[in-house]
Amino acid sequence: MAEKVVPNDNQNHGNILPKNTTLFNQVGGHDFTNGSIGILKENSGCILKPIINAIKGKKEIGFYENLSVRNNAVHTELKSFVPKYLGTVDLKVNDKVVTFIRLEDLTDEFLKPCVMDVKMGAQTWEPNCPKNKQIAEDAKYIESKRDFGFCIPGFIVHSPTSNRCLKFGKDFGRNLNKTTLPAALKTFLNADNGLNENLVLTFLKKLERIKRWFETQKNYAFYSSSILLVYDADGLTSKSTVDDSMVKAVMIDFAHVVEDTNVLDLNYLNGLKNLIEIFRSFLAT
């Protein structure tokens, strides 16, 4: 079990953020609005994901802990698709001690980070969950999940040529459909100034690696789990080269993973195939 650390109680930002942390530019999940606790960014180059629900939090921590000690081929490759797990930490936020999962900050070296949360699967509830939960999940992102097998809860895109930064949240994502979802992906790729095919090809290479893993693995089924698409828009033009290390497709959110399924996770895989096909279509136009 990872070591837990309780840091100094000195805080700033009106007793909201612990010392040496700032708000992270998250695009999904909880944030610091209406009393919620969101993702934090440490000065040390990692992010802190809060445990909001004890049961789900314990399950996600268990996923990372178990993965860290498994070394067969399936798990070794999976490790290359998920953020580096750095244990847990207890912080005092709004006079309440909260446990956070410490993960590598995928945008730590980026000057103009663009981040998109792509939630995979037409079904986002795990089997045997309460019926009311199933109904609530099925009512979200109806068209996107039906047509593509995934949805986009949100994304942030920085302009390569100015200081403009656009953030698209859940309300935007809920209204995406067969026509507007591919357009949203193009917006994320800064295609307004001319699509950079090198960027698309780099994303395709990384998504194809994940797809190949899903085409054989029968250890896990991932529900309400996402692929985080990340790149640095600094200096991007339609013709510029793309640094492979500045483009990432990373699996995140593991509170609803089912293990030992002994079947392919077609719910996730079919959505991933559709995402890849959309990226490919950008190269054909």
C-alpha atoms as a PDB file:
ATOM      1  CA  MET A   1       0.000   0.000   0.000  1.00  0.00           C
ATOM      2  CA  ALA A   2       1.340   3.452  -0.901  1.00  0.00           C
ATOM      3  CA  GLU A   3       2.494   5.747   1.869  1.00  0.00           C
ATOM      4  CA  LYS A   4       0.149   8.551   2.867  1.00  0.00           C
ATOM      5  CA  VAL A   5       1.499  11.964   3.786  1.00  0.00           C
ATOM      6  CA  VAL A   6      -0.305  14.716   5.679  1.00  0.00           C
ATOM      7  CA  PRO A   7       1.341  17.993   4.607  1.00  0.00           C
ATOM      8  CA  ASN A   8       1.661  21.267   6.476  1.00  0.00           C
ATOM      9  CA  ASP A   9      -1.712  22.797   7.395  1.00  0.00           C
ATOM     10  CA  ASN A  10      -0.682  26.250   6.133  1.00  0.00           C
ATOM     11  CA  GLN A  11      -3.007  27.119   3.264  1.00  0.00           C
ATOM     12  CA  ASN A  12      -3.745  29.945   0.891  1.00  0.00           C
ATOM     13  CA  HIS A  13      -6.586  30.863  -1.482  1.00  0.00           C
ATOM     14  CA  GLY A  14      -9.051  31.363   1.379  1.00  0.00           C
ATOM     15  CA  ASN A  15      -8.489  27.931   2.913  1.00  0.00           C
ATOM     16  CA  ILE A  16      -9.489  26.225  -0.359  1.00  0.00           C
ATOM     17  CA  LEU A  17      -6.187  25.092  -1.844  1.00  0.00           C
ATOM     18  CA  PRO A  18      -3.380  23.508   0.179  1.00  0.00           C
ATOM     19  CA  LYS A  19       0.041  25.110   0.119  1.00  0.00           C
ATOM     20  CA  ASN A  20       2.081  24.579  -3.075  1.00  0.00           C
ATOM     21  CA  THR A  21      -0.951  23.576  -5.147  1.00  0.00           C
ATOM     22  CA  THR A  22      -3.005  25.304  -7.816  1.00  0.00           C
ATOM     23  CA  LEU A  23      -6.165  24.489  -9.682  1.00  0.00           C
ATOM     24  CA  PHE A  24      -5.597  22.041 -12.533  1.00  0.00           C
ATOM     25  CA  ASN A  25      -7.083  22.688 -15.995  1.00  0.00           C
ATOM     26  CA  GLN A  26      -9.351  19.673 -15.833  1.00  0.00           C
ATOM     27  CA  VAL A  27     -11.931  18.910 -18.500  1.00  0.00           C
ATOM     28  CA  GLY A  28     -14.078  16.312 -16.753  1.00  0.00           C
ATOM     29  CA  GLY A  29     -15.149  15.182 -13.318  1.00  0.00           C
ATOM     30  CA  HIS A  30     -15.613  17.366 -10.249  1.00  0.00           C
ATOM     31  CA  ASP A  31     -14.186  20.870  -9.960  1.00  0.00           C
ATOM     32  CA  PHE A  32     -14.036  23.603  -7.332  1.00  0.00           C
ATOM     33  CA  THR A  33     -17.512  25.004  -8.018  1.00  0.00           C
ATOM     34  CA  ASN A  34     -20.513  24.884  -5.733  1.00  0.00           C
ATOM     35  CA  GLY A  35     -18.480  23.445  -2.891  1.00  0.00           C
ATOM     36  CA  SER A  36     -17.092  20.501  -4.870  1.00  0.00           C
ATOM     37  CA  ILE A  37     -13.467  19.427  -4.630  1.00  0.00           C
ATOM     38  CA  GLY A  38     -11.579  19.297  -7.913  1.00  0.00           C
ATOM     39  CA  ILE A  39      -8.245  18.160  -9.284  1.00  0.00           C
ATOM     40  CA  LEU A  40      -5.159  19.974  -7.996  1.00  0.00           C
ATOM     41  CA  LYS A  41      -1.733  20.496  -9.526  1.00  0.00           C
ATOM     42  CA  GLU A  42       1.331  20.243  -7.299  1.00  0.00           C
ATOM     43  CA  ASN A  43       4.455  22.297  -7.880  1.00  0.00           C
ATOM     44  CA  SER A  44       6.391  19.016  -8.000  1.00  0.00           C
ATOM     45  CA  GLY A  45       4.894  18.043 -11.364  1.00  0.00           C
ATOM     46  CA  CYS A  46       2.026  15.785 -10.447  1.00  0.00           C
ATOM     47  CA  ILE A  47      -1.729  16.148 -10.144  1.00  0.00           C
ATOM     48  CA  LEU A  48      -3.945  15.241  -7.213  1.00  0.00           C
ATOM     49  CA  LYS A  49      -7.272  13.571  -7.943  1.00  0.00           C
ATOM     50  CA  PRO A  50      -9.668  13.767  -4.968  1.00  0.00           C
ATOM     51  CA  ILE A  51     -11.518  10.764  -3.595  1.00  0.00           C
ATOM     52  CA  ILE A  52     -15.119  12.014  -3.626  1.00  0.00           C
ATOM     53  CA  ASN A  53     -16.830   8.677  -3.021  1.00  0.00           C
ATOM     54  CA  ALA A  54     -15.125   6.311  -0.565  1.00  0.00           C
ATOM     55  CA  ILE A  55     -16.234   3.098  -2.287  1.00  0.00           C
ATOM     56  CA  LYS A  56     -15.326   4.227  -5.804  1.00  0.00           C
ATOM     57  CA  GLY A  57     -12.119   5.801  -4.544  1.00  0.00           C
ATOM     58  CA  LYS A  58     -11.022   2.609  -2.831  1.00  0.00           C
ATOM     59  CA  LYS A  59     -11.675   0.694  -6.045  1.00  0.00           C
ATOM     60  CA  GLU A  60      -9.642   3.108  -8.179  1.00  0.00           C
ATOM     61  CA  ILE A  61      -6.742   3.105  -5.734  1.00  0.00           C
ATOM     62  CA  GLY A  62      -6.914  -0.690  -5.714  1.00  0.00           C
ATOM     63  CA  PHE A  63      -6.723  -0.735  -9.512  1.00  0.00           C
ATOM     64  CA  TYR A  64      -3.528   1.336  -9.521  1.00  0.00           C
ATOM     65  CA  GLU A  65      -2.008  -0.567  -6.586  1.00  0.00           C
ATOM     66  CA  ASN A  66      -2.694  -3.969  -8.132  1.00  0.00           C
ATOM     67  CA  LEU A  67      -1.486  -2.900 -11.565  1.00  0.00           C
ATOM     68  CA  SER A  68       1.773  -1.637 -10.077  1.00  0.00           C
ATOM     69  CA  VAL A  69       2.740  -5.123  -8.824  1.00  0.00           C
ATOM     70  CA  ARG A  70       1.597  -7.158 -11.849  1.00  0.00           C
ATOM     71  CA  ASN A  71       4.258  -7.839 -14.436  1.00  0.00           C
ATOM     72  CA  ASN A  72       2.864 -10.194 -17.071  1.00  0.00           C
ATOM     73  CA  ALA A  73       2.645  -9.034 -20.687  1.00  0.00           C
ATOM     74  CA  VAL A  74      -0.966  -7.826 -20.489  1.00  0.00           C
ATOM     75  CA  HIS A  75      -0.391  -5.691 -17.407  1.00  0.00           C
ATOM     76  CA  THR A  76       3.014  -4.425 -18.496  1.00  0.00           C
ATOM     77  CA  GLU A  77       1.518  -3.051 -21.698  1.00  0.00           C
ATOM     78  CA  LEU A  78      -1.464  -1.602 -19.828  1.00  0.00           C
ATOM     79  CA  LYS A  79       0.940   0.302 -17.573  1.00  0.00           C
ATOM     80  CA  SER A  80       2.239   2.120 -20.648  1.00  0.00           C
ATOM     81  CA  PHE A  81      -1.281   3.427 -21.347  1.00  0.00           C
ATOM     82  CA  VAL A  82      -2.084   4.852 -17.897  1.00  0.00           C
ATOM     83  CA  PRO A  83      -0.589   7.768 -15.929  1.00  0.00           C
ATOM     84  CA  LYS A  84       2.243   6.940 -13.546  1.00  0.00           C
ATOM     85  CA  TYR A  85       0.762   6.226 -10.124  1.00  0.00           C
ATOM     86  CA  LEU A  86       2.554   8.020  -7.277  1.00  0.00           C
ATOM     87  CA  GLY A  87       0.529   6.848  -4.289  1.00  0.00           C
ATOM     88  CA  THR A  88      -1.951   8.819  -2.212  1.00  0.00           C
ATOM     89  CA  VAL A  89      -1.819  11.916  -0.035  1.00  0.00           C
ATOM     90  CA  ASP A  90      -4.144  13.376   2.605  1.00  0.00           C
ATOM     91  CA  LEU A  91      -4.740  17.138   2.385  1.00  0.00           C
ATOM     92  CA  LYS A  92      -6.838  19.530   4.393  1.00  0.00           C
ATOM     93  CA  VAL A  93      -9.312  21.298   2.091  1.00  0.00           C
ATOM     94  CA  ASN A  94     -12.036  23.581   3.441  1.00  0.00           C
ATOM     95  CA  ASP A  95     -11.249  22.324   6.963  1.00  0.00           C
ATOM     96  CA  LYS A  96     -11.803  18.729   5.874  1.00  0.00           C
ATOM     97  CA  VAL A  97      -9.161  16.039   5.338  1.00  0.00           C
ATOM     98  CA  VAL A  98      -9.455  14.650   1.820  1.00  0.00           C
ATOM     99  CA  THR A  99      -7.543  11.742   0.282  1.00  0.00           C
ATOM    100  CA  PHE A 100      -6.095  12.397  -3.169  1.00  0.00           C
ATOM    101  CA  ILE A 101      -4.591  10.028  -5.722  1.00  0.00           C
ATOM    102  CA  ARG A 102      -1.212  11.337  -6.912  1.00  0.00           C
ATOM    103  CA  LEU A 103      -0.599  10.904 -10.639  1.00  0.00           C
ATOM    104  CA  GLU A 104       1.929  12.262 -13.101  1.00  0.00           C
ATOM    105  CA  ASP A 105       0.933  15.555 -14.693  1.00  0.00           C
ATOM    106  CA  LEU A 106       0.695  14.731 -18.384  1.00  0.00           C
ATOM    107  CA  THR A 107       0.970  18.420 -19.319  1.00  0.00           C
ATOM    108  CA  ASP A 108       3.847  19.347 -17.015  1.00  0.00           C
ATOM    109  CA  GLU A 109       6.235  20.453 -19.786  1.00  0.00           C
ATOM    110  CA  PHE A 110       3.553  21.915 -22.053  1.00  0.00           C
ATOM    111  CA  LEU A 111       3.342  25.636 -22.828  1.00  0.00           C
ATOM    112  CA  LYS A 112      -0.114  25.540 -24.447  1.00  0.00           C
ATOM    113  CA  PRO A 113      -1.746  22.302 -23.309  1.00  0.00           C
ATOM    114  CA  CYS A 114      -4.818  21.066 -25.172  1.00  0.00           C
ATOM    115  CA  VAL A 115      -6.723  18.368 -23.293  1.00  0.00           C
ATOM    116  CA  MET A 116      -9.825  16.360 -24.249  1.00  0.00           C
ATOM    117  CA  ASP A 117     -11.706  13.842 -22.102  1.00  0.00           C
ATOM    118  CA  VAL A 118     -13.185  11.063 -24.276  1.00  0.00           C
ATOM    119  CA  LYS A 119     -15.401   8.765 -22.210  1.00  0.00           C
ATOM    120  CA  MET A 120     -15.418   5.343 -23.818  1.00  0.00           C
ATOM    121  CA  GLY A 121     -18.332   2.976 -24.323  1.00  0.00           C
ATOM    122  CA  ALA A 122     -21.992   3.183 -25.253  1.00  0.00           C
ATOM    123  CA  GLN A 123     -22.657   1.712 -21.792  1.00  0.00           C
ATOM    124  CA  THR A 124     -21.114   3.804 -19.015  1.00  0.00           C
ATOM    125  CA  TRP A 125     -22.554   1.883 -16.043  1.00  0.00           C
ATOM    126  CA  GLU A 126     -21.011  -1.294 -14.735  1.00  0.00           C
ATOM    127  CA  PRO A 127     -23.095  -4.488 -14.487  1.00  0.00           C
ATOM    128  CA  ASN A 128     -25.140  -4.993 -11.318  1.00  0.00           C
ATOM    129  CA  CYS A 129     -25.278  -1.286 -10.511  1.00  0.00           C
ATOM    130  CA  PRO A 130     -28.682   0.022  -9.287  1.00  0.00           C
ATOM    131  CA  LYS A 131     -31.366   0.469 -11.929  1.00  0.00           C
ATOM    132  CA  ASN A 132     -31.703   4.187 -11.203  1.00  0.00           C
ATOM    133  CA  LYS A 133     -27.976   4.585 -11.897  1.00  0.00           C
ATOM    134  CA  GLN A 134     -28.365   2.785 -15.224  1.00  0.00           C
ATOM    135  CA  ILE A 135     -31.251   5.057 -16.206  1.00  0.00           C
ATOM    136  CA  ALA A 136     -29.335   8.183 -15.193  1.00  0.00           C
ATOM    137  CA  GLU A 137     -26.244   7.161 -17.168  1.00  0.00           C
ATOM    138  CA  ASP A 138     -28.248   6.182 -20.254  1.00  0.00           C
ATOM    139  CA  ALA A 139     -29.845   9.652 -20.258  1.00  0.00           C
ATOM    140  CA  LYS A 140     -26.442  11.351 -20.674  1.00  0.00           C
ATOM    141  CA  TYR A 141     -24.770  12.010 -24.036  1.00  0.00           C
ATOM    142  CA  ILE A 142     -27.480   9.957 -25.755  1.00  0.00           C
ATOM    143  CA  GLU A 143     -26.642  10.715 -29.389  1.00  0.00           C
ATOM    144  CA  SER A 144     -22.862  10.519 -29.029  1.00  0.00           C
ATOM    145  CA  LYS A 145     -22.945   7.174 -27.234  1.00  0.00           C
ATOM    146  CA  ARG A 146     -25.527   5.754 -29.628  1.00  0.00           C
ATOM    147  CA  ASP A 147     -23.778   6.856 -32.826  1.00  0.00           C
ATOM    148  CA  PHE A 148     -20.124   6.518 -31.818  1.00  0.00           C
ATOM    149  CA  GLY A 149     -19.871   4.409 -28.663  1.00  0.00           C
ATOM    150  CA  PHE A 150     -18.156   7.253 -26.797  1.00  0.00           C
ATOM    151  CA  CYS A 151     -18.833  10.807 -25.673  1.00  0.00           C
ATOM    152  CA  ILE A 152     -16.874  13.980 -24.940  1.00  0.00           C
ATOM    153  CA  PRO A 153     -17.517  15.441 -21.460  1.00  0.00           C
ATOM    154  CA  GLY A 154     -15.227  18.372 -22.187  1.00  0.00           C
ATOM    155  CA  PHE A 155     -12.010  19.758 -23.605  1.00  0.00           C
ATOM    156  CA  ILE A 156      -9.632  22.716 -23.456  1.00  0.00           C
ATOM    157  CA  VAL A 157      -7.856  24.054 -26.524  1.00  0.00           C
ATOM    158  CA  HIS A 158      -5.176  26.742 -26.675  1.00  0.00           C
ATOM    159  CA  SER A 159      -4.613  28.741 -29.833  1.00  0.00           C
ATOM    160  CA  PRO A 160      -1.105  28.250 -31.281  1.00  0.00           C
ATOM    161  CA  THR A 161      -0.940  31.880 -32.422  1.00  0.00           C
ATOM    162  CA  SER A 162      -2.450  33.821 -29.513  1.00  0.00           C
ATOM    163  CA  ASN A 163      -3.174  33.641 -25.800  1.00  0.00           C
ATOM    164  CA  ARG A 164      -6.747  32.545 -26.471  1.00  0.00           C
ATOM    165  CA  CYS A 165      -7.890  29.476 -24.565  1.00  0.00           C
ATOM    166  CA  LEU A 166     -11.331  27.939 -25.104  1.00  0.00           C
ATOM    167  CA  LYS A 167     -12.977  25.562 -22.661  1.00  0.00           C
ATOM    168  CA  PHE A 168     -15.916  23.345 -23.642  1.00  0.00           C
ATOM    169  CA  GLY A 169     -17.778  21.654 -20.794  1.00  0.00           C
ATOM    170  CA  LYS A 170     -20.431  19.042 -20.205  1.00  0.00           C
ATOM    171  CA  ASP A 171     -23.300  21.155 -21.546  1.00  0.00           C
ATOM    172  CA  PHE A 172     -21.474  21.418 -24.853  1.00  0.00           C
ATOM    173  CA  GLY A 173     -20.641  17.714 -24.887  1.00  0.00           C
ATOM    174  CA  ARG A 174     -24.204  16.593 -24.161  1.00  0.00           C
ATOM    175  CA  ASN A 175     -25.441  18.235 -27.359  1.00  0.00           C
ATOM    176  CA  LEU A 176     -22.898  16.698 -29.713  1.00  0.00           C
ATOM    177  CA  ASN A 177     -24.271  14.485 -32.465  1.00  0.00           C
ATOM    178  CA  LYS A 178     -23.198  12.642 -35.599  1.00  0.00           C
ATOM    179  CA  THR A 179     -22.314  15.906 -37.341  1.00  0.00           C
ATOM    180  CA  THR A 180     -21.056  18.131 -34.552  1.00  0.00           C
ATOM    181  CA  LEU A 181     -18.898  15.611 -32.683  1.00  0.00           C
ATOM    182  CA  PRO A 182     -16.332  15.231 -35.500  1.00  0.00           C
ATOM    183  CA  ALA A 183     -16.354  19.022 -35.818  1.00  0.00           C
ATOM    184  CA  ALA A 184     -15.578  19.297 -32.096  1.00  0.00           C
ATOM    185  CA  LEU A 185     -12.599  16.989 -32.560  1.00  0.00           C
ATOM    186  CA  LYS A 186     -11.347  19.253 -35.351  1.00  0.00           C
ATOM    187  CA  THR A 187     -11.719  22.264 -33.063  1.00  0.00           C
ATOM    188  CA  PHE A 188      -9.647  20.427 -30.464  1.00  0.00           C
ATOM    189  CA  LEU A 189      -6.968  19.819 -33.101  1.00  0.00           C
ATOM    190  CA  ASN A 190      -6.827  23.550 -33.964  1.00  0.00           C
ATOM    191  CA  ALA A 191      -7.911  22.722 -37.514  1.00  0.00           C
ATOM    192  CA  ASP A 192      -9.378  26.212 -38.011  1.00  0.00           C
ATOM    193  CA  ASN A 193      -5.904  27.350 -39.044  1.00  0.00           C
ATOM    194  CA  GLY A 194      -5.304  24.288 -41.217  1.00  0.00           C
ATOM    195  CA  LEU A 195      -5.246  20.709 -39.969  1.00  0.00           C
ATOM    196  CA  ASN A 196      -1.822  19.413 -39.011  1.00  0.00           C
ATOM    197  CA  GLU A 197      -1.760  15.887 -40.453  1.00  0.00           C
ATOM    198  CA  ASN A 198       1.323  15.007 -38.416  1.00  0.00           C
ATOM    199  CA  LEU A 199      -0.681  15.646 -35.254  1.00  0.00           C
ATOM    200  CA  VAL A 200      -3.523  13.425 -36.477  1.00  0.00           C
ATOM    201  CA  LEU A 201      -1.108  10.653 -37.457  1.00  0.00           C
ATOM    202  CA  THR A 202       0.598  10.786 -34.073  1.00  0.00           C
ATOM    203  CA  PHE A 203      -2.716  10.463 -32.251  1.00  0.00           C
ATOM    204  CA  LEU A 204      -3.658   7.595 -34.560  1.00  0.00           C
ATOM    205  CA  LYS A 205      -0.446   5.746 -33.760  1.00  0.00           C
ATOM    206  CA  LYS A 206      -1.111   5.984 -30.026  1.00  0.00           C
ATOM    207  CA  LEU A 207      -4.799   5.090 -30.288  1.00  0.00           C
ATOM    208  CA  GLU A 208      -3.981   2.104 -32.499  1.00  0.00           C
ATOM    209  CA  ARG A 209      -1.651   0.752 -29.802  1.00  0.00           C
ATOM    210  CA  ILE A 210      -4.450   0.879 -27.254  1.00  0.00           C
ATOM    211  CA  LYS A 211      -6.828  -0.748 -29.749  1.00  0.00           C
ATOM    212  CA  ARG A 212      -4.453  -3.651 -30.366  1.00  0.00           C
ATOM    213  CA  TRP A 213      -4.284  -4.267 -26.618  1.00  0.00           C
ATOM    214  CA  PHE A 214      -8.075  -4.337 -26.355  1.00  0.00           C
ATOM    215  CA  GLU A 215      -8.315  -6.747 -29.290  1.00  0.00           C
ATOM    216  CA  THR A 216      -6.660  -9.483 -27.221  1.00  0.00           C
ATOM    217  CA  GLN A 217      -7.011  -8.694 -23.508  1.00  0.00           C
ATOM    218  CA  LYS A 218      -9.778 -10.439 -21.565  1.00  0.00           C
ATOM    219  CA  ASN A 219      -8.754  -9.380 -18.058  1.00  0.00           C
ATOM    220  CA  TYR A 220     -10.763  -6.179 -17.725  1.00  0.00           C
ATOM    221  CA  ALA A 221     -13.960  -4.421 -18.704  1.00  0.00           C
ATOM    222  CA  PHE A 222     -13.727  -0.630 -18.355  1.00  0.00           C
ATOM    223  CA  TYR A 223     -16.944   1.284 -17.638  1.00  0.00           C
ATOM    224  CA  SER A 224     -17.163   5.086 -17.349  1.00  0.00           C
ATOM    225  CA  SER A 225     -13.462   5.187 -18.171  1.00  0.00           C
ATOM    226  CA  SER A 226     -11.851   7.732 -20.487  1.00  0.00           C
ATOM    227  CA  ILE A 227      -9.010   8.266 -22.883  1.00  0.00           C
ATOM    228  CA  LEU A 228      -7.359  11.623 -22.274  1.00  0.00           C
ATOM    229  CA  LEU A 229      -6.085  13.195 -25.494  1.00  0.00           C
ATOM    230  CA  VAL A 230      -3.316  15.703 -24.835  1.00  0.00           C
ATOM    231  CA  TYR A 231      -0.963  17.777 -26.965  1.00  0.00           C
ATOM    232  CA  ASP A 232       1.004  21.025 -26.828  1.00  0.00           C
ATOM    233  CA  ALA A 233      -0.261  23.632 -29.306  1.00  0.00           C
ATOM    234  CA  ASP A 234       2.785  25.854 -28.850  1.00  0.00           C
ATOM    235  CA  GLY A 235       4.263  26.538 -32.282  1.00  0.00           C
ATOM    236  CA  LEU A 236       1.699  24.357 -34.071  1.00  0.00           C
ATOM    237  CA  THR A 237       0.981  25.174 -37.714  1.00  0.00           C
ATOM    238  CA  SER A 238      -0.620  23.131 -40.472  1.00  0.00           C
ATOM    239  CA  LYS A 239       2.840  22.066 -41.684  1.00  0.00           C
ATOM    240  CA  SER A 240       4.919  21.917 -38.506  1.00  0.00           C
ATOM    241  CA  THR A 241       6.564  18.740 -37.284  1.00  0.00           C
ATOM    242  CA  VAL A 242       5.145  17.180 -34.131  1.00  0.00           C
ATOM    243  CA  ASP A 243       7.207  15.986 -31.181  1.00  0.00           C
ATOM    244  CA  ASP A 244       5.929  12.506 -30.299  1.00  0.00           C
ATOM    245  CA  SER A 245       6.461  13.153 -26.582  1.00  0.00           C
ATOM    246  CA  MET A 246       4.144  16.167 -26.745  1.00  0.00           C
ATOM    247  CA  VAL A 247       1.175  14.108 -27.989  1.00  0.00           C
ATOM    248  CA  LYS A 248      -0.464  11.655 -25.613  1.00  0.00           C
ATOM    249  CA  ALA A 249      -3.439   9.305 -25.518  1.00  0.00           C
ATOM    250  CA  VAL A 250      -3.759   7.993 -21.984  1.00  0.00           C
ATOM    251  CA  MET A 251      -6.368   5.843 -20.260  1.00  0.00           C
ATOM    252  CA  ILE A 252      -7.826   7.356 -17.059  1.00  0.00           C
ATOM    253  CA  ASP A 253     -10.655   6.894 -14.518  1.00  0.00           C
ATOM    254  CA  PHE A 254     -10.788   3.375 -13.113  1.00  0.00           C
ATOM    255  CA  ALA A 255     -13.479   3.452 -10.429  1.00  0.00           C
ATOM    256  CA  HIS A 256     -15.779   1.159 -12.420  1.00  0.00           C
ATOM    257  CA  VAL A 257     -13.419  -1.497 -13.761  1.00  0.00           C
ATOM    258  CA  VAL A 258     -14.558  -5.128 -13.694  1.00  0.00           C
ATOM    259  CA  GLU A 259     -11.773  -7.732 -13.573  1.00  0.00           C
ATOM    260  CA  ASP A 260     -11.490 -11.359 -14.728  1.00  0.00           C
ATOM    261  CA  THR A 261     -14.200 -11.041 -17.361  1.00  0.00           C
ATOM    262  CA  ASN A 262     -12.657 -13.615 -19.742  1.00  0.00           C
ATOM    263  CA  VAL A 263     -14.268 -11.841 -22.721  1.00  0.00           C
ATOM    264  CA  LEU A 264     -13.241  -8.981 -24.972  1.00  0.00           C
ATOM    265  CA  ASP A 265     -14.366  -5.543 -23.791  1.00  0.00           C
ATOM    266  CA  LEU A 266     -16.354  -4.783 -26.937  1.00  0.00           C
ATOM    267  CA  ASN A 267     -18.156  -1.873 -25.282  1.00  0.00           C
ATOM    268  CA  TYR A 268     -14.845   0.001 -25.028  1.00  0.00           C
ATOM    269  CA  LEU A 269     -13.275  -1.451 -28.161  1.00  0.00           C
ATOM    270  CA  ASN A 270     -16.124  -0.503 -30.497  1.00  0.00           C
ATOM    271  CA  GLY A 271     -16.053   3.095 -29.297  1.00  0.00           C
ATOM    272  CA  LEU A 272     -12.290   3.206 -29.725  1.00  0.00           C
ATOM    273  CA  LYS A 273     -12.577   1.899 -33.285  1.00  0.00           C
ATOM    274  CA  ASN A 274     -15.069   4.654 -34.094  1.00  0.00           C
ATOM    275  CA  LEU A 275     -12.797   7.306 -32.594  1.00  0.00           C
ATOM    276  CA  ILE A 276      -9.943   6.036 -34.745  1.00  0.00           C
ATOM    277  CA  GLU A 277     -12.130   6.085 -37.852  1.00  0.00           C
ATOM    278  CA  ILE A 278     -13.016   9.731 -37.245  1.00  0.00           C
ATOM    279  CA  PHE A 279      -9.332  10.630 -37.000  1.00  0.00           C
ATOM    280  CA  ARG A 280      -8.658   8.690 -40.199  1.00  0.00           C
ATOM    281  CA  SER A 281     -11.456  10.530 -41.983  1.00  0.00           C
ATOM    282  CA  PHE A 282      -9.677  13.821 -41.301  1.00  0.00           C
ATOM    283  CA  LEU A 283      -6.776  12.622 -43.450  1.00  0.00           C
ATOM    284  CA  ALA A 284      -9.053  11.724 -46.344  1.00  0.00           C
ATOM    285  CA  THR A 285     -10.568  15.196 -46.744  1.00  0.00           C
END
